[in-house]
Amino acid sequence: MIQKVFTVHNHMGIHARPATKLVQVAITFPCEIILEKDGKRMNGKSIMGVMSMAAMFQDRLTVTANGEGEAEAIEAIGEIIEASHEEA
């Protein structure tokens, strides 16, 4: 299991477009992926879960991956969370 904290750099937060991209990337990995914000844990492979986190600019998200490909999954998801532009 790997856990890492990332900061949202997109001024619009994790809205529909980056949330969709995050989930699309997450589902390519066989490991379990959990996102946590303010004690609220969500499945990183669920668009509704990711959107319901309402992650805004400068929020810190803890990403936990457990299983095959966990290190790669953490890095790929972290890149999306920390992307500073709309097209993340």
Protein backbone atom coordinates (compact mmCIF):
# COMPACT_ATOMS: atom_id res chain seq x y z
CA MET A 1 0.00 0.00 0.00
CA ILE A 2 1.24 3.45 -0.93
CA GLN A 3 -0.18 6.75 0.28
CA LYS A 4 0.73 10.24 -0.88
CA VAL A 5 -0.69 13.75 -0.42
CA PHE A 6 -1.22 16.04 -3.42
CA THR A 7 -2.38 19.66 -3.65
CA VAL A 8 -4.97 20.82 -6.19
CA HIS A 9 -3.33 23.45 -8.40
CA ASN A 10 -6.19 23.99 -10.87
CA HIS A 11 -7.88 27.29 -9.96
CA MET A 12 -11.23 25.71 -10.86
CA GLY A 13 -10.63 22.70 -8.61
CA ILE A 14 -11.35 19.10 -9.56
CA HIS A 15 -14.49 19.81 -11.59
CA ALA A 16 -16.09 17.56 -14.23
CA ARG A 17 -13.27 17.47 -16.79
CA PRO A 18 -10.32 16.68 -14.49
CA ALA A 19 -12.52 14.35 -12.40
CA THR A 20 -13.40 12.40 -15.54
CA LYS A 21 -9.76 12.21 -16.58
CA LEU A 22 -8.74 11.11 -13.07
CA VAL A 23 -11.29 8.27 -13.10
CA GLN A 24 -10.36 7.26 -16.66
CA VAL A 25 -6.73 6.94 -15.57
CA ALA A 26 -7.60 5.22 -12.27
CA ILE A 27 -9.62 2.46 -13.93
CA THR A 28 -6.62 1.46 -16.05
CA PHE A 29 -4.86 0.21 -12.91
CA PRO A 30 -5.84 -3.10 -11.26
CA CYS A 31 -5.15 -1.77 -7.74
CA GLU A 32 -7.64 -0.23 -5.33
CA ILE A 33 -7.51 3.58 -5.35
CA ILE A 34 -8.95 5.72 -2.56
CA LEU A 35 -9.04 9.53 -2.43
CA GLU A 36 -9.46 11.30 0.90
CA LYS A 37 -10.23 14.93 1.70
CA ASP A 38 -11.15 16.26 5.14
CA GLY A 39 -11.66 12.74 6.46
CA LYS A 40 -14.05 11.83 3.64
CA ARG A 41 -12.88 8.74 1.70
CA MET A 42 -14.04 7.99 -1.84
CA ASN A 43 -13.38 5.36 -4.47
CA GLY A 44 -10.97 6.91 -7.00
CA LYS A 45 -12.59 4.85 -9.76
CA SER A 46 -16.05 6.38 -9.22
CA ILE A 47 -16.89 9.62 -11.03
CA MET A 48 -19.64 10.35 -8.51
CA GLY A 49 -17.24 9.75 -5.63
CA VAL A 50 -14.54 12.01 -7.07
CA MET A 51 -17.04 14.77 -7.94
CA SER A 52 -18.69 14.61 -4.51
CA MET A 53 -15.36 15.43 -2.84
CA ALA A 54 -15.74 18.97 -4.23
CA ALA A 55 -11.96 19.44 -4.24
CA MET A 56 -11.14 23.11 -4.72
CA PHE A 57 -7.95 25.07 -5.46
CA GLN A 58 -5.27 24.45 -2.80
CA ASP A 59 -7.18 21.53 -1.20
CA ARG A 60 -4.96 18.63 -0.18
CA LEU A 61 -6.00 15.15 -1.26
CA THR A 62 -4.55 11.96 0.12
CA VAL A 63 -4.37 9.22 -2.50
CA THR A 64 -3.99 5.63 -1.38
CA ALA A 65 -3.31 2.80 -3.80
CA ASN A 66 -3.17 -0.83 -2.79
CA GLY A 67 -2.27 -3.67 -5.12
CA GLU A 68 -0.63 -4.29 -8.47
CA GLY A 69 0.63 -1.11 -10.14
CA GLU A 70 0.11 1.02 -7.02
CA ALA A 71 3.24 3.15 -7.47
CA GLU A 72 2.41 3.96 -11.08
CA ALA A 73 -1.21 4.68 -10.17
CA ILE A 74 -0.23 7.14 -7.42
CA GLU A 75 2.05 9.07 -9.77
CA ALA A 76 -0.46 9.18 -12.64
CA ILE A 77 -3.29 10.37 -10.42
CA GLY A 78 -1.03 12.85 -8.65
CA GLU A 79 -0.16 14.44 -12.00
CA ILE A 80 -3.84 15.06 -12.69
CA ILE A 81 -4.53 16.46 -9.22
CA GLU A 82 -1.54 18.79 -9.39
CA ALA A 83 -2.06 19.95 -12.99
CA SER A 84 -2.55 23.71 -12.96
CA HIS A 85 -4.47 24.11 -16.19
CA GLU A 86 -7.99 23.30 -17.37
CA GLU A 87 -6.94 20.59 -19.78
CA ALA A 88 -5.36 18.44 -17.05
